[in-house]
N, C-alpha and C. Protein backbone atom coordinates (compact mmCIF):
# COMPACT_ATOMS: atom_id res chain seq x y z
N UNK A 1 -5.83 -21.22 -15.14
CA UNK A 1 -6.32 -20.30 -16.07
C UNK A 1 -7.65 -19.78 -16.25
N UNK A 2 -7.82 -18.27 -16.49
CA UNK A 2 -9.29 -17.80 -16.65
C UNK A 2 -9.09 -17.18 -18.19
N UNK A 3 -10.10 -17.62 -18.90
CA UNK A 3 -10.22 -16.99 -20.33
C UNK A 3 -11.47 -16.29 -20.45
N UNK A 4 -11.32 -15.13 -20.93
CA UNK A 4 -12.46 -14.23 -21.02
C UNK A 4 -12.71 -14.29 -22.80
N UNK A 5 -13.83 -14.68 -23.21
CA UNK A 5 -13.98 -14.29 -24.67
C UNK A 5 -15.32 -13.62 -24.97
N UNK A 6 -14.76 -12.24 -25.50
CA UNK A 6 -15.78 -11.38 -26.15
C UNK A 6 -16.75 -10.88 -24.97
N UNK A 7 -16.12 -10.72 -23.42
CA UNK A 7 -17.11 -10.58 -22.52
C UNK A 7 -17.71 -8.88 -22.64
N UNK A 8 -19.16 -8.81 -22.46
CA UNK A 8 -19.46 -7.74 -22.34
C UNK A 8 -20.76 -7.51 -21.06
N UNK A 9 -20.84 -6.52 -20.46
CA UNK A 9 -22.04 -6.54 -19.47
C UNK A 9 -22.62 -5.05 -19.63
N UNK A 10 -24.05 -5.18 -19.75
CA UNK A 10 -24.73 -3.70 -19.63
C UNK A 10 -25.53 -3.70 -18.25
N UNK A 11 -25.65 -2.75 -17.84
CA UNK A 11 -26.32 -2.50 -16.46
C UNK A 11 -27.30 -1.30 -16.91
N UNK A 12 -28.62 -1.55 -16.71
CA UNK A 12 -29.65 -0.34 -16.96
C UNK A 12 -29.35 0.28 -18.32
N UNK A 13 -29.06 -0.52 -19.40
CA UNK A 13 -28.84 -0.14 -20.50
C UNK A 13 -27.46 0.31 -20.94
N UNK A 14 -26.72 0.50 -19.97
CA UNK A 14 -25.38 1.32 -20.01
C UNK A 14 -24.40 -0.05 -20.21
N UNK A 15 -23.37 0.32 -21.29
CA UNK A 15 -22.28 -0.87 -21.29
C UNK A 15 -21.28 -0.39 -20.46
N UNK A 16 -20.80 -1.39 -19.55
CA UNK A 16 -19.98 -1.16 -18.47
C UNK A 16 -18.63 -1.88 -18.72
N UNK A 17 -18.94 -3.09 -19.41
CA UNK A 17 -17.76 -4.09 -19.96
C UNK A 17 -18.04 -4.17 -21.54
N UNK A 18 -17.27 -3.93 -22.35
CA UNK A 18 -17.42 -3.87 -23.58
C UNK A 18 -16.37 -4.86 -24.53
N UNK A 19 -17.05 -5.92 -24.67
CA UNK A 19 -16.14 -6.95 -25.65
C UNK A 19 -14.77 -7.54 -25.23
N UNK A 20 -14.53 -7.63 -24.03
CA UNK A 20 -12.95 -8.03 -23.45
C UNK A 20 -12.76 -9.40 -23.77
N UNK A 21 -11.80 -9.59 -24.34
CA UNK A 21 -10.96 -11.09 -24.56
C UNK A 21 -9.68 -11.06 -24.08
N UNK A 22 -9.48 -11.74 -23.04
CA UNK A 22 -8.42 -11.76 -22.22
C UNK A 22 -7.95 -13.12 -21.51
N UNK A 23 -6.95 -13.61 -21.56
CA UNK A 23 -6.57 -14.68 -20.66
C UNK A 23 -5.52 -14.48 -19.63
N UNK A 24 -5.91 -15.02 -18.37
CA UNK A 24 -5.31 -14.77 -17.15
C UNK A 24 -4.58 -16.06 -16.71
N UNK A 25 -3.23 -16.19 -16.60
CA UNK A 25 -2.44 -17.38 -16.13
C UNK A 25 -2.09 -17.49 -14.82
N UNK A 26 -1.90 -18.78 -14.26
CA UNK A 26 -1.57 -18.86 -12.93
C UNK A 26 -0.13 -18.40 -12.60
N UNK A 27 0.15 -17.83 -11.64
CA UNK A 27 1.82 -17.61 -11.36
C UNK A 27 2.03 -16.17 -11.85
N UNK A 28 0.99 -15.55 -12.45
CA UNK A 28 1.23 -14.08 -12.83
C UNK A 28 0.41 -13.00 -12.30
N UNK A 29 0.96 -11.98 -11.80
CA UNK A 29 0.00 -11.02 -11.13
C UNK A 29 -0.19 -9.94 -12.15
N UNK A 30 -1.68 -9.70 -12.49
CA UNK A 30 -2.06 -8.85 -13.27
C UNK A 30 -2.63 -7.53 -12.62
N UNK A 31 -2.23 -6.44 -13.01
CA UNK A 31 -2.37 -5.01 -12.21
C UNK A 31 -3.43 -4.16 -13.40
N UNK A 32 -4.51 -4.13 -12.86
CA UNK A 32 -5.59 -3.28 -13.69
C UNK A 32 -5.49 -1.57 -13.48
N UNK A 33 -5.32 -1.01 -14.29
CA UNK A 33 -5.04 0.34 -14.26
C UNK A 33 -6.23 1.14 -15.18
N UNK A 34 -6.54 2.27 -14.71
CA UNK A 34 -7.38 3.14 -15.31
C UNK A 34 -8.27 3.98 -14.07
N UNK A 35 -8.88 5.12 -14.74
CA UNK A 35 -9.52 6.10 -13.80
C UNK A 35 -10.92 5.23 -13.42
N UNK A 36 -11.41 5.99 -12.29
CA UNK A 36 -12.74 5.39 -11.70
C UNK A 36 -13.66 5.50 -12.95
N UNK A 37 -14.43 4.48 -12.90
CA UNK A 37 -15.48 4.19 -13.87
C UNK A 37 -14.99 3.49 -15.39
N UNK A 38 -13.46 3.11 -15.08
CA UNK A 38 -13.01 2.49 -16.37
C UNK A 38 -13.43 1.25 -16.62
N UNK A 39 -13.91 0.37 -15.52
CA UNK A 39 -14.37 -0.99 -15.64
C UNK A 39 -13.55 -1.87 -14.68
N UNK A 40 -12.67 -1.46 -14.00
CA UNK A 40 -11.67 -2.50 -13.46
C UNK A 40 -12.72 -3.19 -12.32
N UNK A 41 -13.22 -2.56 -11.57
CA UNK A 41 -14.07 -3.27 -10.45
C UNK A 41 -15.25 -4.18 -10.94
N UNK A 42 -15.75 -3.88 -12.28
CA UNK A 42 -16.81 -4.29 -12.74
C UNK A 42 -16.14 -5.73 -13.53
N UNK A 43 -15.08 -5.68 -13.96
CA UNK A 43 -14.24 -6.85 -14.59
C UNK A 43 -13.82 -7.85 -13.45
N UNK A 44 -13.50 -7.26 -12.38
CA UNK A 44 -13.30 -8.20 -11.25
C UNK A 44 -14.79 -8.86 -10.70
N UNK A 45 -15.70 -8.21 -10.78
CA UNK A 45 -17.07 -8.66 -10.23
C UNK A 45 -17.53 -9.92 -11.22
N UNK A 46 -17.20 -9.76 -12.40
CA UNK A 46 -17.51 -10.70 -13.72
C UNK A 46 -16.69 -12.08 -13.47
N UNK A 47 -15.43 -11.81 -13.28
CA UNK A 47 -14.45 -12.84 -12.82
C UNK A 47 -14.77 -13.48 -11.88
N UNK A 48 -15.28 -13.07 -10.71
CA UNK A 48 -15.51 -13.49 -9.42
C UNK A 48 -16.87 -14.23 -9.35
N UNK A 49 -17.77 -14.11 -10.56
CA UNK A 49 -18.93 -14.77 -10.51
C UNK A 49 -20.04 -14.01 -9.56
N UNK A 50 -19.75 -12.72 -9.20
CA UNK A 50 -20.68 -12.09 -8.42
C UNK A 50 -21.66 -11.41 -9.49
N UNK A 51 -21.36 -11.06 -10.84
CA UNK A 51 -22.25 -10.90 -11.93
C UNK A 51 -22.10 -11.78 -13.14
N UNK A 52 -22.91 -11.97 -13.91
CA UNK A 52 -22.74 -12.76 -14.99
C UNK A 52 -22.67 -11.79 -16.23
N UNK A 53 -21.99 -12.30 -17.35
CA UNK A 53 -21.98 -11.43 -18.65
C UNK A 53 -23.10 -11.26 -19.22
N UNK A 54 -23.35 -10.22 -19.92
CA UNK A 54 -24.66 -9.90 -20.78
C UNK A 54 -24.37 -10.80 -22.17
N UNK A 55 -23.09 -10.96 -22.57
CA UNK A 55 -22.73 -11.53 -23.70
C UNK A 55 -21.27 -12.14 -23.76
N UNK A 56 -21.03 -13.13 -24.24
CA UNK A 56 -19.66 -13.63 -24.09
C UNK A 56 -19.52 -14.77 -22.93
N UNK A 57 -18.23 -15.43 -22.84
CA UNK A 57 -18.30 -16.44 -21.91
C UNK A 57 -16.95 -16.19 -21.17
N UNK A 58 -16.93 -16.71 -19.83
CA UNK A 58 -15.57 -16.69 -18.91
C UNK A 58 -15.57 -18.05 -18.75
N UNK A 59 -14.37 -18.66 -19.02
CA UNK A 59 -14.06 -20.00 -18.55
C UNK A 59 -12.88 -19.99 -17.34
N UNK A 60 -13.16 -20.82 -16.49
CA UNK A 60 -12.10 -20.94 -15.50
C UNK A 60 -11.65 -22.33 -15.38
N UNK A 61 -10.44 -22.74 -15.65
CA UNK A 61 -10.06 -24.09 -15.73
C UNK A 61 -10.87 -25.07 -16.92
N UNK A 62 -11.39 -24.50 -17.78
CA UNK A 62 -12.21 -25.24 -18.90
C UNK A 62 -13.76 -25.16 -18.55
N UNK A 63 -14.00 -24.62 -17.48
CA UNK A 63 -15.41 -24.69 -16.91
C UNK A 63 -16.06 -23.18 -17.02
N UNK A 64 -17.10 -23.28 -17.71
CA UNK A 64 -18.01 -22.01 -17.92
C UNK A 64 -18.73 -21.29 -16.59
N UNK A 65 -18.19 -20.06 -16.21
CA UNK A 65 -18.84 -19.49 -15.26
C UNK A 65 -20.31 -19.43 -15.37
N UNK A 66 -21.21 -19.54 -14.58
CA UNK A 66 -22.46 -19.19 -14.64
C UNK A 66 -23.20 -20.36 -15.37
N UNK A 67 -22.43 -21.23 -15.93
CA UNK A 67 -23.02 -22.65 -16.43
C UNK A 67 -22.67 -24.05 -15.70
N UNK A 68 -21.16 -24.13 -15.74
CA UNK A 68 -20.70 -25.32 -15.38
C UNK A 68 -20.48 -25.14 -13.77
N UNK A 69 -20.16 -23.67 -13.29
CA UNK A 69 -20.12 -23.37 -11.90
C UNK A 69 -20.42 -22.02 -11.71
N UNK A 70 -21.03 -21.81 -10.51
CA UNK A 70 -21.54 -20.53 -10.24
C UNK A 70 -20.36 -19.40 -9.77
N UNK A 71 -19.37 -19.94 -9.00
CA UNK A 71 -18.27 -19.15 -8.60
C UNK A 71 -16.99 -19.69 -8.62
N UNK A 72 -16.06 -19.08 -9.14
CA UNK A 72 -14.50 -19.73 -9.27
C UNK A 72 -14.19 -20.59 -7.87
N UNK A 73 -13.70 -21.80 -8.12
CA UNK A 73 -13.11 -22.62 -7.17
C UNK A 73 -11.74 -22.06 -6.66
N UNK A 74 -11.42 -21.99 -5.36
CA UNK A 74 -10.34 -21.62 -4.61
C UNK A 74 -10.05 -20.28 -4.94
N UNK A 75 -11.04 -19.37 -4.69
CA UNK A 75 -10.95 -17.92 -5.07
C UNK A 75 -11.05 -17.25 -3.69
N UNK A 76 -9.86 -16.19 -3.41
CA UNK A 76 -9.84 -15.29 -2.67
C UNK A 76 -10.11 -13.70 -2.87
N UNK A 77 -11.09 -13.12 -2.25
CA UNK A 77 -11.74 -11.85 -2.94
C UNK A 77 -11.70 -10.86 -2.03
N UNK A 78 -11.52 -9.57 -2.34
CA UNK A 78 -11.68 -8.50 -1.74
C UNK A 78 -12.00 -7.49 -2.67
N UNK A 79 -13.37 -6.71 -2.85
CA UNK A 79 -13.75 -6.08 -3.56
C UNK A 79 -14.45 -4.73 -2.88
N UNK A 80 -13.94 -3.71 -3.01
CA UNK A 80 -14.49 -2.32 -2.79
C UNK A 80 -14.40 -2.46 -1.17
N UNK A 81 -15.43 -1.86 -0.33
CA UNK A 81 -15.11 -1.94 1.22
C UNK A 81 -15.57 -3.41 1.75
N UNK A 82 -14.68 -3.84 2.41
CA UNK A 82 -15.02 -5.03 3.21
C UNK A 82 -16.00 -4.87 4.33
N UNK A 83 -16.80 -5.68 4.36
CA UNK A 83 -18.10 -5.73 5.48
C UNK A 83 -18.23 -7.01 6.37
N UNK A 84 -18.32 -6.79 7.60
CA UNK A 84 -18.44 -8.04 8.50
C UNK A 84 -19.42 -7.63 9.14
N UNK A 85 -19.70 -8.62 10.15
CA UNK A 85 -20.66 -8.51 11.30
C UNK A 85 -20.25 -7.67 12.51
N UNK A 86 -20.99 -6.59 12.62
CA UNK A 86 -20.57 -5.55 13.48
C UNK A 86 -20.34 -6.12 15.05
N UNK A 87 -21.18 -7.14 15.55
CA UNK A 87 -21.02 -7.54 17.01
C UNK A 87 -20.05 -8.73 17.17
N UNK A 88 -19.45 -9.13 15.96
CA UNK A 88 -18.50 -10.33 16.16
C UNK A 88 -17.18 -9.69 16.14
N UNK A 89 -15.99 -10.40 16.81
CA UNK A 89 -14.64 -10.02 16.74
C UNK A 89 -14.21 -10.42 15.35
N UNK A 90 -12.90 -9.74 15.05
CA UNK A 90 -12.38 -10.03 13.84
C UNK A 90 -12.22 -11.73 13.49
N UNK A 91 -11.58 -12.46 14.67
CA UNK A 91 -11.54 -13.79 14.47
C UNK A 91 -12.79 -14.47 14.31
N UNK A 92 -13.85 -14.04 15.00
CA UNK A 92 -15.06 -14.74 14.98
C UNK A 92 -15.59 -14.43 13.59
N UNK A 93 -15.46 -13.22 12.87
CA UNK A 93 -15.80 -13.17 11.69
C UNK A 93 -15.55 -14.20 10.69
N UNK A 94 -13.91 -14.18 10.76
CA UNK A 94 -13.25 -15.15 9.74
C UNK A 94 -13.45 -16.48 9.94
N UNK A 95 -13.69 -16.92 11.31
CA UNK A 95 -14.00 -18.30 11.50
C UNK A 95 -15.48 -18.64 11.31
N UNK A 96 -16.52 -17.66 11.09
CA UNK A 96 -17.66 -17.96 10.68
C UNK A 96 -17.73 -18.16 8.86
N UNK A 97 -16.86 -17.21 8.46
CA UNK A 97 -16.62 -17.52 7.01
C UNK A 97 -16.02 -18.79 6.62
N UNK A 98 -14.91 -19.07 7.33
CA UNK A 98 -14.09 -20.50 7.18
C UNK A 98 -14.98 -21.76 7.38
N UNK A 99 -16.12 -21.51 8.08
CA UNK A 99 -16.93 -22.65 8.47
C UNK A 99 -17.87 -22.74 7.33
N UNK A 100 -17.84 -21.90 6.31
CA UNK A 100 -18.75 -22.36 5.22
C UNK A 100 -18.12 -23.20 4.41
N UNK A 101 -16.96 -23.26 4.11
CA UNK A 101 -16.28 -24.20 3.11
C UNK A 101 -15.78 -25.25 4.08
N UNK A 102 -15.46 -25.06 5.10
CA UNK A 102 -14.35 -26.07 5.72
C UNK A 102 -13.20 -26.51 5.51
N UNK A 103 -12.49 -25.55 4.67
CA UNK A 103 -11.16 -25.83 4.02
C UNK A 103 -10.14 -25.58 4.95
N UNK A 104 -10.28 -24.57 5.94
CA UNK A 104 -9.22 -24.38 6.84
C UNK A 104 -9.57 -24.42 8.29
N UNK A 105 -8.93 -24.57 9.41
CA UNK A 105 -9.13 -24.54 10.62
C UNK A 105 -8.78 -23.34 11.45
N UNK A 106 -9.10 -23.39 12.68
CA UNK A 106 -8.56 -22.03 13.40
C UNK A 106 -7.16 -21.65 13.21
N UNK A 107 -6.23 -22.59 13.12
CA UNK A 107 -5.05 -22.29 13.05
C UNK A 107 -4.77 -21.22 11.65
N UNK A 108 -5.29 -21.71 10.86
CA UNK A 108 -5.17 -20.92 9.60
C UNK A 108 -5.94 -19.54 9.60
N UNK A 109 -6.86 -19.57 10.46
CA UNK A 109 -7.48 -18.23 10.53
C UNK A 109 -6.61 -17.27 11.35
N UNK A 110 -6.14 -17.86 12.40
CA UNK A 110 -5.06 -17.00 13.34
C UNK A 110 -3.95 -16.57 12.38
N UNK A 111 -3.13 -17.53 11.53
CA UNK A 111 -2.14 -17.10 10.74
C UNK A 111 -2.45 -16.03 9.77
N UNK A 112 -3.72 -15.87 9.11
CA UNK A 112 -4.11 -14.87 8.29
C UNK A 112 -4.35 -13.65 8.86
N UNK A 113 -4.72 -13.72 10.07
CA UNK A 113 -4.90 -12.40 10.95
C UNK A 113 -3.59 -12.03 11.34
N UNK A 114 -2.72 -12.60 11.76
CA UNK A 114 -1.26 -12.51 12.09
C UNK A 114 -0.53 -11.83 10.77
N UNK A 115 -0.65 -12.37 9.65
CA UNK A 115 -0.08 -12.01 8.55
C UNK A 115 -0.47 -10.45 8.02
N UNK A 116 -1.65 -9.91 8.52
CA UNK A 116 -2.18 -8.53 8.14
C UNK A 116 -1.75 -7.64 9.32
N UNK A 117 -1.35 -8.29 10.46
CA UNK A 117 -1.18 -7.34 11.59
C UNK A 117 -2.06 -7.30 12.73
N UNK A 118 -2.88 -8.16 12.62
CA UNK A 118 -4.14 -8.11 13.55
C UNK A 118 -3.95 -9.11 14.58
N UNK A 119 -4.43 -8.94 15.90
CA UNK A 119 -4.19 -10.02 17.12
C UNK A 119 -5.43 -10.86 17.02
N UNK A 120 -5.22 -12.00 16.75
CA UNK A 120 -6.16 -13.01 16.81
C UNK A 120 -7.13 -13.13 18.28
N UNK A 121 -6.52 -12.82 19.13
CA UNK A 121 -7.03 -12.69 20.78
C UNK A 121 -7.66 -11.38 20.99
N UNK A 122 -7.66 -10.44 19.89
CA UNK A 122 -8.27 -9.04 20.12
C UNK A 122 -9.85 -9.32 20.42
N UNK A 123 -10.52 -8.86 21.54
CA UNK A 123 -11.79 -9.08 21.81
C UNK A 123 -12.78 -8.00 21.39
N UNK A 124 -12.26 -7.07 20.68
CA UNK A 124 -13.09 -5.70 20.26
C UNK A 124 -13.82 -6.10 19.08
N UNK A 125 -15.03 -5.79 19.10
CA UNK A 125 -15.96 -6.06 18.18
C UNK A 125 -15.54 -5.17 16.70
N UNK A 126 -16.07 -5.94 15.74
CA UNK A 126 -15.68 -5.20 14.23
C UNK A 126 -16.39 -3.73 14.16
N UNK A 127 -17.12 -3.60 14.81
CA UNK A 127 -17.63 -2.06 14.80
C UNK A 127 -16.94 -1.14 15.43
N UNK A 128 -16.03 -1.64 16.21
CA UNK A 128 -14.70 -0.71 17.03
C UNK A 128 -13.88 -0.56 16.18
N UNK A 129 -13.49 -1.41 15.11
CA UNK A 129 -12.36 -1.44 14.17
C UNK A 129 -12.35 0.13 13.30
N UNK A 130 -10.87 0.42 13.43
CA UNK A 130 -10.69 1.64 12.55
C UNK A 130 -10.77 1.39 11.14
N UNK A 131 -10.81 2.13 10.22
CA UNK A 131 -10.77 1.80 8.70
C UNK A 131 -9.63 0.90 8.25
N UNK A 132 -8.56 1.15 8.92
CA UNK A 132 -7.35 0.41 8.55
C UNK A 132 -7.36 -1.06 8.78
N UNK A 133 -7.81 -1.15 10.14
CA UNK A 133 -8.19 -2.46 10.49
C UNK A 133 -9.24 -3.21 9.93
N UNK A 134 -10.29 -2.66 9.52
CA UNK A 134 -11.20 -3.24 8.45
C UNK A 134 -10.60 -3.75 7.15
N UNK A 135 -9.83 -2.96 6.77
CA UNK A 135 -9.15 -3.37 5.49
C UNK A 135 -8.14 -4.60 5.58
N UNK A 136 -7.63 -4.44 6.72
CA UNK A 136 -6.73 -5.71 7.15
C UNK A 136 -7.49 -6.87 7.21
N UNK A 137 -8.55 -6.68 7.97
CA UNK A 137 -9.51 -8.11 8.07
C UNK A 137 -10.09 -8.70 6.91
N UNK A 138 -10.16 -7.69 5.87
CA UNK A 138 -10.63 -7.95 4.40
C UNK A 138 -9.60 -8.77 3.82
N UNK A 139 -8.35 -8.26 3.86
CA UNK A 139 -7.28 -8.95 3.44
C UNK A 139 -6.88 -10.39 4.00
N UNK A 140 -7.19 -10.23 5.23
CA UNK A 140 -7.07 -11.62 5.81
C UNK A 140 -8.03 -12.65 5.44
N UNK A 141 -9.37 -12.23 5.13
CA UNK A 141 -10.35 -13.13 4.65
C UNK A 141 -9.92 -13.56 3.34
N UNK A 142 -9.53 -12.65 2.26
CA UNK A 142 -9.34 -13.01 1.07
C UNK A 142 -7.90 -14.20 1.12
N UNK A 143 -7.31 -14.23 2.05
CA UNK A 143 -5.81 -15.10 1.88
C UNK A 143 -6.01 -16.26 2.95
N UNK A 144 -7.26 -16.32 3.70
CA UNK A 144 -6.94 -17.53 4.77
C UNK A 144 -6.82 -18.71 4.33
N UNK A 145 -7.84 -18.99 3.05
CA UNK A 145 -8.15 -20.36 2.47
C UNK A 145 -7.11 -20.76 1.58
N UNK A 146 -5.89 -20.02 1.47
CA UNK A 146 -4.90 -20.19 0.65
C UNK A 146 -5.45 -20.47 -0.80
N UNK A 147 -5.93 -19.27 -1.54
CA UNK A 147 -6.60 -19.58 -2.42
C UNK A 147 -5.41 -19.74 -3.73
N UNK A 148 -5.94 -20.21 -4.88
CA UNK A 148 -5.16 -20.35 -6.21
C UNK A 148 -5.56 -19.24 -6.95
N UNK A 149 -6.63 -18.37 -6.69
CA UNK A 149 -7.02 -17.09 -7.49
C UNK A 149 -7.23 -16.14 -6.31
N UNK A 150 -6.47 -15.12 -6.61
CA UNK A 150 -6.68 -13.88 -5.61
C UNK A 150 -7.11 -12.54 -6.33
N UNK A 151 -8.13 -12.07 -5.81
CA UNK A 151 -8.75 -10.95 -6.62
C UNK A 151 -8.60 -9.65 -5.73
N UNK A 152 -8.01 -8.57 -5.99
CA UNK A 152 -8.01 -7.55 -4.82
C UNK A 152 -8.09 -6.25 -5.54
N UNK A 153 -9.26 -5.49 -4.89
CA UNK A 153 -9.56 -4.34 -5.45
C UNK A 153 -9.29 -3.11 -4.41
N UNK A 154 -8.30 -2.40 -4.70
CA UNK A 154 -7.85 -1.22 -3.96
C UNK A 154 -7.55 -1.73 -2.77
N UNK A 155 -6.56 -2.97 -2.56
CA UNK A 155 -6.32 -3.41 -1.30
C UNK A 155 -5.56 -2.37 -0.21
N UNK A 156 -4.59 -1.47 -0.82
CA UNK A 156 -4.13 -0.32 0.04
C UNK A 156 -5.02 0.52 0.71
N UNK A 157 -6.22 0.71 0.33
CA UNK A 157 -7.12 1.62 1.00
C UNK A 157 -7.20 1.62 2.39
N UNK A 158 -6.72 2.80 3.04
CA UNK A 158 -6.87 3.13 4.77
C UNK A 158 -5.90 2.40 5.14
N UNK A 159 -4.80 1.69 4.56
CA UNK A 159 -3.78 1.15 5.16
C UNK A 159 -2.54 2.19 5.38
N UNK A 160 -1.98 1.98 6.74
CA UNK A 160 -0.93 2.92 7.21
C UNK A 160 0.41 2.22 6.75
N UNK A 161 1.56 2.83 6.76
CA UNK A 161 2.81 2.45 6.27
C UNK A 161 3.15 0.98 6.71
N UNK A 162 2.75 0.61 8.07
CA UNK A 162 3.00 -0.79 8.26
C UNK A 162 2.01 -1.81 7.80
N UNK A 163 0.91 -1.16 7.52
CA UNK A 163 -0.12 -2.07 6.84
C UNK A 163 0.42 -2.47 5.61
N UNK A 164 0.97 -1.32 4.82
CA UNK A 164 1.48 -1.59 3.20
C UNK A 164 2.46 -2.66 3.34
N UNK A 165 3.18 -2.34 4.28
CA UNK A 165 4.72 -3.28 4.35
C UNK A 165 4.25 -4.81 4.69
N UNK A 166 3.32 -4.88 5.35
CA UNK A 166 2.66 -6.30 5.68
C UNK A 166 2.23 -6.76 4.36
N UNK A 167 1.27 -5.94 3.42
CA UNK A 167 0.92 -6.26 2.27
C UNK A 167 1.84 -6.55 1.29
N UNK A 168 2.72 -5.90 1.14
CA UNK A 168 4.04 -6.09 0.29
C UNK A 168 4.41 -7.68 0.58
N UNK A 169 4.46 -7.99 1.68
CA UNK A 169 4.95 -9.25 2.29
C UNK A 169 4.07 -10.38 1.59
N UNK A 170 2.88 -10.10 1.91
CA UNK A 170 1.65 -11.02 1.51
C UNK A 170 1.84 -11.37 0.09
N UNK A 171 1.77 -10.20 -0.73
CA UNK A 171 1.93 -10.34 -2.11
C UNK A 171 3.22 -11.08 -2.68
N UNK A 172 4.25 -10.80 -2.17
CA UNK A 172 5.30 -11.77 -2.52
C UNK A 172 5.22 -13.15 -2.48
N UNK A 173 4.73 -13.55 -1.11
CA UNK A 173 4.29 -14.96 -0.64
C UNK A 173 3.30 -15.38 -1.58
N UNK A 174 2.40 -14.87 -1.85
CA UNK A 174 1.52 -15.32 -2.73
C UNK A 174 1.96 -15.53 -4.25
N UNK A 175 2.94 -14.83 -4.75
CA UNK A 175 3.46 -14.79 -6.13
C UNK A 175 4.39 -16.02 -6.05
N UNK A 176 5.22 -16.27 -4.83
CA UNK A 176 6.03 -17.45 -4.72
C UNK A 176 5.17 -18.78 -4.71
N UNK A 177 3.83 -18.76 -4.44
CA UNK A 177 3.03 -19.93 -4.37
C UNK A 177 2.56 -20.31 -5.62
N UNK A 178 2.80 -19.15 -6.72
CA UNK A 178 2.06 -19.54 -7.76
C UNK A 178 0.61 -19.00 -8.05
N UNK A 179 0.19 -18.34 -7.19
CA UNK A 179 -1.28 -17.74 -7.26
C UNK A 179 -1.36 -16.79 -8.32
N UNK A 180 -2.67 -16.98 -9.00
CA UNK A 180 -2.81 -16.02 -10.11
C UNK A 180 -3.44 -14.86 -9.34
N UNK A 181 -2.95 -13.84 -9.47
CA UNK A 181 -3.32 -12.25 -8.78
C UNK A 181 -3.92 -11.23 -9.68
N UNK A 182 -4.89 -10.79 -9.31
CA UNK A 182 -5.52 -9.59 -10.17
C UNK A 182 -5.91 -8.42 -9.24
N UNK A 183 -5.09 -7.48 -9.40
CA UNK A 183 -5.29 -6.35 -8.59
C UNK A 183 -5.57 -4.92 -9.05
N UNK A 184 -6.07 -4.12 -8.27
CA UNK A 184 -6.07 -2.65 -8.78
C UNK A 184 -5.62 -1.79 -7.70
N UNK A 185 -5.11 -0.54 -8.08
CA UNK A 185 -4.30 0.03 -7.17
C UNK A 185 -4.13 1.49 -7.53
N UNK A 186 -4.64 2.58 -7.05
CA UNK A 186 -4.49 3.88 -7.61
C UNK A 186 -3.17 4.36 -7.53
N UNK A 187 -2.28 3.73 -6.90
CA UNK A 187 -0.86 4.16 -6.55
C UNK A 187 -0.06 3.40 -7.63
N UNK A 188 0.10 4.36 -8.79
CA UNK A 188 0.89 3.46 -9.87
C UNK A 188 2.13 2.84 -9.48
N UNK A 189 3.01 3.66 -8.77
CA UNK A 189 4.44 3.07 -8.41
C UNK A 189 4.11 1.58 -7.77
N UNK A 190 3.22 1.51 -6.86
CA UNK A 190 2.94 0.22 -6.20
C UNK A 190 2.57 -0.69 -7.00
N UNK A 191 1.46 -0.43 -7.95
CA UNK A 191 0.96 -1.19 -8.98
C UNK A 191 1.98 -1.87 -9.78
N UNK A 192 2.86 -1.00 -10.32
CA UNK A 192 4.00 -1.46 -11.02
C UNK A 192 4.88 -2.49 -10.23
N UNK A 193 5.16 -2.10 -8.94
CA UNK A 193 5.82 -2.97 -8.05
C UNK A 193 5.30 -4.34 -7.91
N UNK A 194 3.98 -4.30 -7.73
CA UNK A 194 3.20 -5.74 -7.56
C UNK A 194 3.10 -6.76 -9.01
N UNK A 195 2.92 -5.93 -9.98
CA UNK A 195 2.31 -6.66 -11.16
C UNK A 195 3.55 -7.26 -12.29
N UNK A 196 3.21 -8.03 -12.80
CA UNK A 196 3.83 -8.68 -14.12
C UNK A 196 3.56 -8.42 -15.37
N UNK A 197 2.08 -8.19 -15.33
CA UNK A 197 1.46 -7.46 -16.48
C UNK A 197 0.62 -6.58 -16.08
N UNK A 198 0.46 -5.25 -16.69
CA UNK A 198 -0.43 -4.17 -16.55
C UNK A 198 -1.66 -4.11 -17.87
N UNK A 199 -2.74 -3.91 -17.10
CA UNK A 199 -3.77 -4.17 -18.48
C UNK A 199 -4.34 -2.69 -17.95
N UNK A 200 -4.23 -1.76 -19.07
CA UNK A 200 -5.04 -0.35 -18.81
C UNK A 200 -6.46 -0.27 -19.35
N UNK A 201 -7.43 -0.08 -18.46
CA UNK A 201 -8.84 0.06 -18.90
C UNK A 201 -9.43 1.29 -19.04
N UNK A 202 -10.31 1.56 -20.25
CA UNK A 202 -11.00 2.81 -20.60
C UNK A 202 -12.28 2.36 -21.31
N UNK A 203 -13.35 2.97 -20.53
CA UNK A 203 -14.51 2.96 -21.17
C UNK A 203 -15.07 1.35 -21.23
N UNK A 204 -14.78 0.49 -20.32
CA UNK A 204 -15.14 -1.17 -20.33
C UNK A 204 -14.27 -1.74 -21.23
N UNK A 205 -13.10 -1.45 -21.92
CA UNK A 205 -12.21 -2.07 -22.72
C UNK A 205 -11.04 -2.05 -22.18
N UNK A 206 -10.11 -3.08 -22.67
CA UNK A 206 -8.82 -3.16 -22.22
C UNK A 206 -7.99 -2.58 -23.40
N UNK A 207 -7.63 -1.46 -23.06
CA UNK A 207 -6.86 -0.56 -24.00
C UNK A 207 -5.57 -0.84 -24.44
N UNK A 208 -4.81 -1.19 -23.17
CA UNK A 208 -3.40 -1.50 -23.49
C UNK A 208 -2.84 -2.76 -22.42
N UNK A 209 -1.99 -3.59 -23.08
CA UNK A 209 -1.29 -4.62 -22.32
C UNK A 209 0.28 -4.29 -22.22
N UNK A 210 0.68 -4.28 -20.87
CA UNK A 210 2.10 -4.06 -20.70
C UNK A 210 2.90 -4.97 -19.98
N UNK A 211 4.03 -5.51 -20.48
CA UNK A 211 4.59 -6.69 -19.57
C UNK A 211 5.62 -5.94 -18.88
N UNK A 212 5.84 -6.34 -17.71
CA UNK A 212 6.97 -5.68 -16.96
C UNK A 212 8.20 -6.65 -16.80
């Protein structure tokens, strides 16, 4: 469970998140809806521990983010454009990331690549990847450690029809496992397809909550 209590964030004197109180429960997929600049990505950054609130508190399983823990445990994350090492292959990039936590082995890295439609044996360097391949690698990185919390910011960006179909399957599998998923998507039809709850954001606030 993730609990936000009156969370606000100001950057250079501008309020980008304004007094949000919201609880996120495991096994539920939350879709964030709103125009660019409404606060969706900033809220994801806060929940991920990439930035800390100016006011209020964020608790994850009863532990306060920024106090009891620096980052959420068991988190898979894709925010904005994925970035990897240009001179490494897709597999080598993921294996390097996996070695930081030592939670998964090469088998799980290969599985994550295959789920997103990438070939683990592809020796092309990341700099040679198309935008769609880069996005697929970002999704693979987010799911490879079998996270309990999955945060995905515009995961369909640059994906072709095959990539979207593969992502559809990934979301179904993650929901079946009981993963807590928070995602944004400009395609409202897809957002509604994936989500159990839609939170509409405006000017850094959650203006509406819709259960589907």
